[in-house]
Every structure is written in C-alpha cells, then in structure tokens.
Full PDB file with SEQRES, HELIX, SHEET, SSBOND, CRYST1, ORIGX, SCALE, CONECT and MASTER records, all heavy atoms in Angstrom:
SEQRES   1 A   31  LYS GLN VAL TYR ALA VAL ASP PRO ALA LEU VAL GLY ARG          
SEQRES   2 A   31  LYS LEU ALA ALA LYS ARG VAL ALA ALA SER PRO ILE ALA          
SEQRES   3 A   31  VAL ASP TYR VAL GLY                                          
HELIX    1 AA1 VAL A   11  ALA A   22  1                                  12    
SHEET    1 AA1 2 GLN A   2  ALA A   5  0                                        
SHEET    2 AA1 2 ALA A  26  TYR A  29  1                                        
CRYST1    1.000    1.000    1.000  90.00  90.00  90.00 P 1           1          
ORIGX1      1.000000  0.000000  0.000000        0.00000                         
ORIGX2      0.000000  1.000000  0.000000        0.00000                         
ORIGX3      0.000000  0.000000  1.000000        0.00000                         
SCALE1      1.000000  0.000000  0.000000        0.00000                         
SCALE2      0.000000  1.000000  0.000000        0.00000                         
SCALE3      0.000000  0.000000  1.000000        0.00000                         
ATOM      1  N   LYS A   1     -11.279  -0.317  -7.244  1.00  0.00           N  
ATOM      2  CA  LYS A   1     -11.162   1.172  -6.820  1.00  0.00           C  
ATOM      3  C   LYS A   1     -10.504   1.302  -5.576  1.00  0.00           C  
ATOM      4  O   LYS A   1      -9.883   2.524  -5.313  1.00  0.00           O  
ATOM      5  CB  LYS A   1     -12.601   1.750  -6.739  1.00  0.00           C  
ATOM      6  CG  LYS A   1     -13.411   1.466  -8.060  1.00  0.00           C  
ATOM      7  CD  LYS A   1     -12.794   2.057  -9.286  1.00  0.00           C  
ATOM      8  CE  LYS A   1     -13.627   1.930 -10.564  1.00  0.00           C  
ATOM      9  NZ  LYS A   1     -12.942   2.411 -11.728  1.00  0.00           N  
ATOM     10  N   GLN A   2     -10.490   0.376  -4.631  1.00  0.00           N  
ATOM     11  CA  GLN A   2      -9.933   0.591  -3.341  1.00  0.00           C  
ATOM     12  C   GLN A   2      -9.255  -0.716  -2.797  1.00  0.00           C  
ATOM     13  O   GLN A   2      -9.780  -1.783  -3.047  1.00  0.00           O  
ATOM     14  CB  GLN A   2     -11.029   0.896  -2.344  1.00  0.00           C  
ATOM     15  CG  GLN A   2     -10.702   0.990  -0.849  1.00  0.00           C  
ATOM     16  CD  GLN A   2     -10.017   2.297  -0.464  1.00  0.00           C  
ATOM     17  OE1 GLN A   2     -10.553   3.344  -0.742  1.00  0.00           O  
ATOM     18  NE2 GLN A   2      -8.927   2.216   0.194  1.00  0.00           N  
ATOM     19  N   VAL A   3      -8.071  -0.514  -2.250  1.00  0.00           N  
ATOM     20  CA  VAL A   3      -7.368  -1.681  -1.643  1.00  0.00           C  
ATOM     21  C   VAL A   3      -7.106  -1.409  -0.169  1.00  0.00           C  
ATOM     22  O   VAL A   3      -6.428  -0.362   0.101  1.00  0.00           O  
ATOM     23  CB  VAL A   3      -6.063  -2.067  -2.427  1.00  0.00           C  
ATOM     24  CG1 VAL A   3      -5.234  -3.109  -1.641  1.00  0.00           C  
ATOM     25  CG2 VAL A   3      -6.340  -2.531  -3.804  1.00  0.00           C  
ATOM     26  N   TYR A   4      -7.609  -2.264   0.676  1.00  0.00           N  
ATOM     27  CA  TYR A   4      -7.139  -2.343   2.016  1.00  0.00           C  
ATOM     28  C   TYR A   4      -6.005  -3.215   2.297  1.00  0.00           C  
ATOM     29  O   TYR A   4      -6.202  -4.459   2.077  1.00  0.00           O  
ATOM     30  CB  TYR A   4      -8.371  -2.555   2.970  1.00  0.00           C  
ATOM     31  CG  TYR A   4      -9.523  -1.619   2.801  1.00  0.00           C  
ATOM     32  CD1 TYR A   4     -10.573  -1.930   2.015  1.00  0.00           C  
ATOM     33  CD2 TYR A   4      -9.468  -0.336   3.432  1.00  0.00           C  
ATOM     34  CE1 TYR A   4     -11.677  -1.051   1.906  1.00  0.00           C  
ATOM     35  CE2 TYR A   4     -10.531   0.583   3.247  1.00  0.00           C  
ATOM     36  CZ  TYR A   4     -11.669   0.206   2.515  1.00  0.00           C  
ATOM     37  OH  TYR A   4     -12.685   1.132   2.445  1.00  0.00           O  
ATOM     38  N   ALA A   5      -4.862  -2.679   2.727  1.00  0.00           N  
ATOM     39  CA  ALA A   5      -3.654  -3.505   2.728  1.00  0.00           C  
ATOM     40  C   ALA A   5      -3.352  -4.088   4.038  1.00  0.00           C  
ATOM     41  O   ALA A   5      -3.437  -3.247   5.087  1.00  0.00           O  
ATOM     42  CB  ALA A   5      -2.535  -2.675   2.212  1.00  0.00           C  
ATOM     43  N   VAL A   6      -3.032  -5.300   4.177  1.00  0.00           N  
ATOM     44  CA  VAL A   6      -2.727  -5.879   5.441  1.00  0.00           C  
ATOM     45  C   VAL A   6      -1.409  -6.606   5.268  1.00  0.00           C  
ATOM     46  O   VAL A   6      -1.206  -7.464   4.385  1.00  0.00           O  
ATOM     47  CB  VAL A   6      -3.846  -6.968   5.829  1.00  0.00           C  
ATOM     48  CG1 VAL A   6      -3.453  -7.624   7.141  1.00  0.00           C  
ATOM     49  CG2 VAL A   6      -5.132  -6.307   5.964  1.00  0.00           C  
ATOM     50  N   ASP A   7      -0.394  -6.226   6.137  1.00  0.00           N  
ATOM     51  CA  ASP A   7       0.910  -6.866   6.036  1.00  0.00           C  
ATOM     52  C   ASP A   7       1.735  -6.652   7.335  1.00  0.00           C  
ATOM     53  O   ASP A   7       1.639  -5.552   7.887  1.00  0.00           O  
ATOM     54  CB  ASP A   7       1.753  -6.352   4.807  1.00  0.00           C  
ATOM     55  CG  ASP A   7       2.878  -7.212   4.507  1.00  0.00           C  
ATOM     56  OD1 ASP A   7       3.914  -7.264   5.179  1.00  0.00           O  
ATOM     57  OD2 ASP A   7       2.746  -8.042   3.531  1.00  0.00           O  
ATOM     58  N   PRO A   8       2.414  -7.699   7.835  1.00  0.00           N  
ATOM     59  CA  PRO A   8       3.160  -7.426   9.107  1.00  0.00           C  
ATOM     60  C   PRO A   8       4.441  -6.796   9.040  1.00  0.00           C  
ATOM     61  O   PRO A   8       4.948  -6.313  10.004  1.00  0.00           O  
ATOM     62  CB  PRO A   8       3.274  -8.954   9.605  1.00  0.00           C  
ATOM     63  CG  PRO A   8       3.319  -9.743   8.330  1.00  0.00           C  
ATOM     64  CD  PRO A   8       2.393  -9.026   7.380  1.00  0.00           C  
ATOM     65  N   ALA A   9       5.021  -6.724   7.824  1.00  0.00           N  
ATOM     66  CA  ALA A   9       6.366  -6.116   7.592  1.00  0.00           C  
ATOM     67  C   ALA A   9       6.271  -4.676   7.126  1.00  0.00           C  
ATOM     68  O   ALA A   9       5.933  -4.364   6.051  1.00  0.00           O  
ATOM     69  CB  ALA A   9       7.132  -6.960   6.544  1.00  0.00           C  
ATOM     70  N   LEU A  10       6.526  -3.823   8.142  1.00  0.00           N  
ATOM     71  CA  LEU A  10       6.352  -2.341   7.874  1.00  0.00           C  
ATOM     72  C   LEU A  10       7.281  -1.820   6.809  1.00  0.00           C  
ATOM     73  O   LEU A  10       7.006  -0.910   6.151  1.00  0.00           O  
ATOM     74  CB  LEU A  10       6.561  -1.542   9.201  1.00  0.00           C  
ATOM     75  CG  LEU A  10       5.589  -1.850  10.352  1.00  0.00           C  
ATOM     76  CD1 LEU A  10       5.901  -0.990  11.499  1.00  0.00           C  
ATOM     77  CD2 LEU A  10       4.173  -1.532   9.855  1.00  0.00           C  
ATOM     78  N   VAL A  11       8.521  -2.596   6.646  1.00  0.00           N  
ATOM     79  CA  VAL A  11       9.372  -2.169   5.588  1.00  0.00           C  
ATOM     80  C   VAL A  11       8.822  -2.282   4.159  1.00  0.00           C  
ATOM     81  O   VAL A  11       9.173  -1.538   3.209  1.00  0.00           O  
ATOM     82  CB  VAL A  11      10.662  -2.992   5.659  1.00  0.00           C  
ATOM     83  CG1 VAL A  11      10.552  -4.373   5.170  1.00  0.00           C  
ATOM     84  CG2 VAL A  11      11.792  -2.212   4.747  1.00  0.00           C  
ATOM     85  N   GLY A  12       7.726  -3.140   4.051  1.00  0.00           N  
ATOM     86  CA  GLY A  12       6.981  -3.333   2.853  1.00  0.00           C  
ATOM     87  C   GLY A  12       6.411  -1.986   2.414  1.00  0.00           C  
ATOM     88  O   GLY A  12       6.280  -1.749   1.117  1.00  0.00           O  
ATOM     89  N   ARG A  13       5.999  -1.192   3.265  1.00  0.00           N  
ATOM     90  CA  ARG A  13       5.344   0.101   2.892  1.00  0.00           C  
ATOM     91  C   ARG A  13       6.334   1.023   2.109  1.00  0.00           C  
ATOM     92  O   ARG A  13       6.006   1.699   1.230  1.00  0.00           O  
ATOM     93  CB  ARG A  13       4.836   0.882   4.184  1.00  0.00           C  
ATOM     94  CG  ARG A  13       3.718   0.064   4.895  1.00  0.00           C  
ATOM     95  CD  ARG A  13       3.170   0.935   5.918  1.00  0.00           C  
ATOM     96  NE  ARG A  13       2.197   0.085   6.697  1.00  0.00           N  
ATOM     97  CZ  ARG A  13       1.302   0.679   7.608  1.00  0.00           C  
ATOM     98  NH1 ARG A  13       1.361   1.943   7.801  1.00  0.00           N  
ATOM     99  NH2 ARG A  13       0.545  -0.172   8.341  1.00  0.00           N  
ATOM    100  N   LYS A  14       7.641   0.977   2.604  1.00  0.00           N  
ATOM    101  CA  LYS A  14       8.682   1.723   1.918  1.00  0.00           C  
ATOM    102  C   LYS A  14       8.900   1.140   0.488  1.00  0.00           C  
ATOM    103  O   LYS A  14       8.988   1.938  -0.456  1.00  0.00           O  
ATOM    104  CB  LYS A  14       9.954   1.727   2.718  1.00  0.00           C  
ATOM    105  CG  LYS A  14       9.803   2.333   4.082  1.00  0.00           C  
ATOM    106  CD  LYS A  14      11.161   2.278   4.820  1.00  0.00           C  
ATOM    107  CE  LYS A  14      11.121   2.930   6.183  1.00  0.00           C  
ATOM    108  NZ  LYS A  14      12.435   2.927   6.879  1.00  0.00           N  
ATOM    109  N   LEU A  15       8.951  -0.154   0.422  1.00  0.00           N  
ATOM    110  CA  LEU A  15       9.154  -0.803  -0.828  1.00  0.00           C  
ATOM    111  C   LEU A  15       8.039  -0.639  -1.778  1.00  0.00           C  
ATOM    112  O   LEU A  15       8.128  -0.542  -2.987  1.00  0.00           O  
ATOM    113  CB  LEU A  15       9.392  -2.233  -0.698  1.00  0.00           C  
ATOM    114  CG  LEU A  15      10.591  -2.684   0.145  1.00  0.00           C  
ATOM    115  CD1 LEU A  15      10.619  -4.147   0.354  1.00  0.00           C  
ATOM    116  CD2 LEU A  15      11.912  -2.259  -0.593  1.00  0.00           C  
ATOM    117  N   ALA A  16       6.815  -0.392  -1.243  1.00  0.00           N  
ATOM    118  CA  ALA A  16       5.549  -0.181  -2.056  1.00  0.00           C  
ATOM    119  C   ALA A  16       5.311   1.255  -2.526  1.00  0.00           C  
ATOM    120  O   ALA A  16       4.466   1.489  -3.294  1.00  0.00           O  
ATOM    121  CB  ALA A  16       4.402  -0.725  -1.286  1.00  0.00           C  
ATOM    122  N   ALA A  17       6.019   2.124  -1.901  1.00  0.00           N  
ATOM    123  CA  ALA A  17       5.707   3.567  -2.048  1.00  0.00           C  
ATOM    124  C   ALA A  17       5.605   3.992  -3.535  1.00  0.00           C  
ATOM    125  O   ALA A  17       4.577   4.683  -3.899  1.00  0.00           O  
ATOM    126  CB  ALA A  17       6.693   4.436  -1.356  1.00  0.00           C  
ATOM    127  N   LYS A  18       6.582   3.594  -4.446  1.00  0.00           N  
ATOM    128  CA  LYS A  18       6.469   3.998  -5.752  1.00  0.00           C  
ATOM    129  C   LYS A  18       5.286   3.408  -6.452  1.00  0.00           C  
ATOM    130  O   LYS A  18       4.602   4.072  -7.271  1.00  0.00           O  
ATOM    131  CB  LYS A  18       7.795   3.697  -6.459  1.00  0.00           C  
ATOM    132  CG  LYS A  18       9.005   4.489  -6.012  1.00  0.00           C  
ATOM    133  CD  LYS A  18      10.199   4.223  -6.855  1.00  0.00           C  
ATOM    134  CE  LYS A  18      11.338   4.995  -6.461  1.00  0.00           C  
ATOM    135  NZ  LYS A  18      12.650   4.641  -7.194  1.00  0.00           N  
ATOM    136  N   ARG A  19       4.979   2.124  -6.192  1.00  0.00           N  
ATOM    137  CA  ARG A  19       3.879   1.541  -6.831  1.00  0.00           C  
ATOM    138  C   ARG A  19       2.567   2.140  -6.388  1.00  0.00           C  
ATOM    139  O   ARG A  19       1.612   2.286  -7.206  1.00  0.00           O  
ATOM    140  CB  ARG A  19       3.897  -0.049  -6.581  1.00  0.00           C  
ATOM    141  CG  ARG A  19       5.013  -0.794  -7.201  1.00  0.00           C  
ATOM    142  CD  ARG A  19       4.882  -2.237  -6.965  1.00  0.00           C  
ATOM    143  NE  ARG A  19       5.995  -3.054  -7.591  1.00  0.00           N  
ATOM    144  CZ  ARG A  19       7.036  -3.639  -6.905  1.00  0.00           C  
ATOM    145  NH1 ARG A  19       7.105  -3.546  -5.577  1.00  0.00           N  
ATOM    146  NH2 ARG A  19       7.971  -4.221  -7.553  1.00  0.00           N  
ATOM    147  N   VAL A  20       2.514   2.447  -5.161  1.00  0.00           N  
ATOM    148  CA  VAL A  20       1.188   3.131  -4.561  1.00  0.00           C  
ATOM    149  C   VAL A  20       1.051   4.466  -5.248  1.00  0.00           C  
ATOM    150  O   VAL A  20      -0.038   4.834  -5.726  1.00  0.00           O  
ATOM    151  CB  VAL A  20       1.276   3.157  -3.087  1.00  0.00           C  
ATOM    152  CG1 VAL A  20       0.116   4.116  -2.524  1.00  0.00           C  
ATOM    153  CG2 VAL A  20       1.230   1.804  -2.455  1.00  0.00           C  
ATOM    154  N   ALA A  21       2.093   5.240  -5.300  1.00  0.00           N  
ATOM    155  CA  ALA A  21       2.074   6.518  -5.911  1.00  0.00           C  
ATOM    156  C   ALA A  21       1.714   6.515  -7.360  1.00  0.00           C  
ATOM    157  O   ALA A  21       1.017   7.422  -7.899  1.00  0.00           O  
ATOM    158  CB  ALA A  21       3.426   7.252  -5.691  1.00  0.00           C  
ATOM    159  N   ALA A  22       2.112   5.476  -8.104  1.00  0.00           N  
ATOM    160  CA  ALA A  22       1.805   5.333  -9.588  1.00  0.00           C  
ATOM    161  C   ALA A  22       0.422   4.683  -9.831  1.00  0.00           C  
ATOM    162  O   ALA A  22       0.082   4.734 -11.014  1.00  0.00           O  
ATOM    163  CB  ALA A  22       2.966   4.547 -10.276  1.00  0.00           C  
ATOM    164  N   SER A  23      -0.199   4.212  -8.808  1.00  0.00           N  
ATOM    165  CA  SER A  23      -1.460   3.491  -9.097  1.00  0.00           C  
ATOM    166  C   SER A  23      -2.703   4.392  -8.943  1.00  0.00           C  
ATOM    167  O   SER A  23      -2.737   5.273  -8.122  1.00  0.00           O  
ATOM    168  CB  SER A  23      -1.662   2.342  -8.133  1.00  0.00           C  
ATOM    169  OG  SER A  23      -2.865   1.700  -8.338  1.00  0.00           O  
ATOM    170  N   PRO A  24      -3.723   4.203  -9.935  1.00  0.00           N  
ATOM    171  CA  PRO A  24      -4.874   4.981  -9.727  1.00  0.00           C  
ATOM    172  C   PRO A  24      -5.818   4.451  -8.548  1.00  0.00           C  
ATOM    173  O   PRO A  24      -6.796   5.086  -8.284  1.00  0.00           O  
ATOM    174  CB  PRO A  24      -5.532   4.802 -11.063  1.00  0.00           C  
ATOM    175  CG  PRO A  24      -4.991   3.461 -11.540  1.00  0.00           C  
ATOM    176  CD  PRO A  24      -3.655   3.389 -11.019  1.00  0.00           C  
ATOM    177  N   ILE A  25      -5.474   3.313  -8.098  1.00  0.00           N  
ATOM    178  CA  ILE A  25      -6.180   2.690  -7.031  1.00  0.00           C  
ATOM    179  C   ILE A  25      -5.871   3.386  -5.636  1.00  0.00           C  
ATOM    180  O   ILE A  25      -4.651   3.459  -5.320  1.00  0.00           O  
ATOM    181  CB  ILE A  25      -5.961   1.197  -6.935  1.00  0.00           C  
ATOM    182  CG1 ILE A  25      -6.318   0.614  -8.260  1.00  0.00           C  
ATOM    183  CG2 ILE A  25      -6.741   0.552  -5.799  1.00  0.00           C  
ATOM    184  CD1 ILE A  25      -5.841  -0.921  -8.472  1.00  0.00           C  
ATOM    185  N   ALA A  26      -6.867   3.689  -4.818  1.00  0.00           N  
ATOM    186  CA  ALA A  26      -6.602   4.136  -3.498  1.00  0.00           C  
ATOM    187  C   ALA A  26      -6.205   3.002  -2.555  1.00  0.00           C  
ATOM    188  O   ALA A  26      -6.780   1.983  -2.532  1.00  0.00           O  
ATOM    189  CB  ALA A  26      -7.877   4.787  -2.903  1.00  0.00           C  
ATOM    190  N   VAL A  27      -5.102   3.133  -1.758  1.00  0.00           N  
ATOM    191  CA  VAL A  27      -4.580   2.209  -0.915  1.00  0.00           C  
ATOM    192  C   VAL A  27      -4.503   2.670   0.469  1.00  0.00           C  
ATOM    193  O   VAL A  27      -3.983   3.748   0.780  1.00  0.00           O  
ATOM    194  CB  VAL A  27      -3.119   1.745  -1.291  1.00  0.00           C  
ATOM    195  CG1 VAL A  27      -2.502   0.753  -0.302  1.00  0.00           C  
ATOM    196  CG2 VAL A  27      -3.049   1.183  -2.709  1.00  0.00           C  
ATOM    197  N   ASP A  28      -5.223   1.967   1.422  1.00  0.00           N  
ATOM    198  CA  ASP A  28      -5.166   2.278   2.779  1.00  0.00           C  
ATOM    199  C   ASP A  28      -4.652   1.171   3.549  1.00  0.00           C  
ATOM    200  O   ASP A  28      -5.012  -0.086   3.414  1.00  0.00           O  
ATOM    201  CB  ASP A  28      -6.587   2.565   3.285  1.00  0.00           C  
ATOM    202  CG  ASP A  28      -7.126   3.866   2.735  1.00  0.00           C  
ATOM    203  OD1 ASP A  28      -6.427   4.874   2.662  1.00  0.00           O  
ATOM    204  OD2 ASP A  28      -8.435   3.942   2.474  1.00  0.00           O  
ATOM    205  N   TYR A  29      -3.591   1.345   4.465  1.00  0.00           N  
ATOM    206  CA  TYR A  29      -3.059   0.275   5.300  1.00  0.00           C  
ATOM    207  C   TYR A  29      -3.966   0.172   6.516  1.00  0.00           C  
ATOM    208  O   TYR A  29      -4.072   1.128   7.203  1.00  0.00           O  
ATOM    209  CB  TYR A  29      -1.672   0.691   5.655  1.00  0.00           C  
ATOM    210  CG  TYR A  29      -0.642   0.594   4.524  1.00  0.00           C  
ATOM    211  CD1 TYR A  29      -0.332   1.708   3.786  1.00  0.00           C  
ATOM    212  CD2 TYR A  29      -0.021  -0.726   4.207  1.00  0.00           C  
ATOM    213  CE1 TYR A  29       0.480   1.616   2.669  1.00  0.00           C  
ATOM    214  CE2 TYR A  29       0.860  -0.749   3.181  1.00  0.00           C  
ATOM    215  CZ  TYR A  29       1.191   0.453   2.429  1.00  0.00           C  
ATOM    216  OH  TYR A  29       2.050   0.323   1.349  1.00  0.00           O  
ATOM    217  N   VAL A  30      -4.478  -0.999   6.729  1.00  0.00           N  
ATOM    218  CA  VAL A  30      -5.456  -1.184   7.767  1.00  0.00           C  
ATOM    219  C   VAL A  30      -5.080  -2.123   8.931  1.00  0.00           C  
ATOM    220  O   VAL A  30      -5.763  -2.295   9.876  1.00  0.00           O  
ATOM    221  CB  VAL A  30      -6.811  -1.647   7.238  1.00  0.00           C  
ATOM    222  CG1 VAL A  30      -7.417  -0.495   6.299  1.00  0.00           C  
ATOM    223  CG2 VAL A  30      -6.743  -2.966   6.467  1.00  0.00           C  
ATOM    224  N   GLY A  31      -4.009  -2.948   8.711  1.00  0.00           N  
ATOM    225  CA  GLY A  31      -3.632  -3.906   9.755  1.00  0.00           C  
ATOM    226  C   GLY A  31      -2.376  -4.613   9.415  1.00  0.00           C  
ATOM    227  O   GLY A  31      -1.752  -4.466   8.379  1.00  0.00           O  
TER     228      GLY A  31                                                      
MASTER        0    0    0    1    2    0    0    6  227    1    0    3          
END                                                                             
C-alpha cells in the first residue's frame, strides 16, 4: 500500500514520474 523510496540519484525521480503517477501505491521519497 505504501513505498518509502530511498535513492541518491535525484534524476531518478524524473525517470520514475510516469510509473509513480500510474501506480495505485503511494510513494514518498524519504532519503
């Protein structure tokens, strides 16, 4: 139901944007 995302490469957030928007799972970037 919830994913707390940890990743050092901030560009990953841009690459992930479409997948995050299409997913029913809540994603929060935490570190």
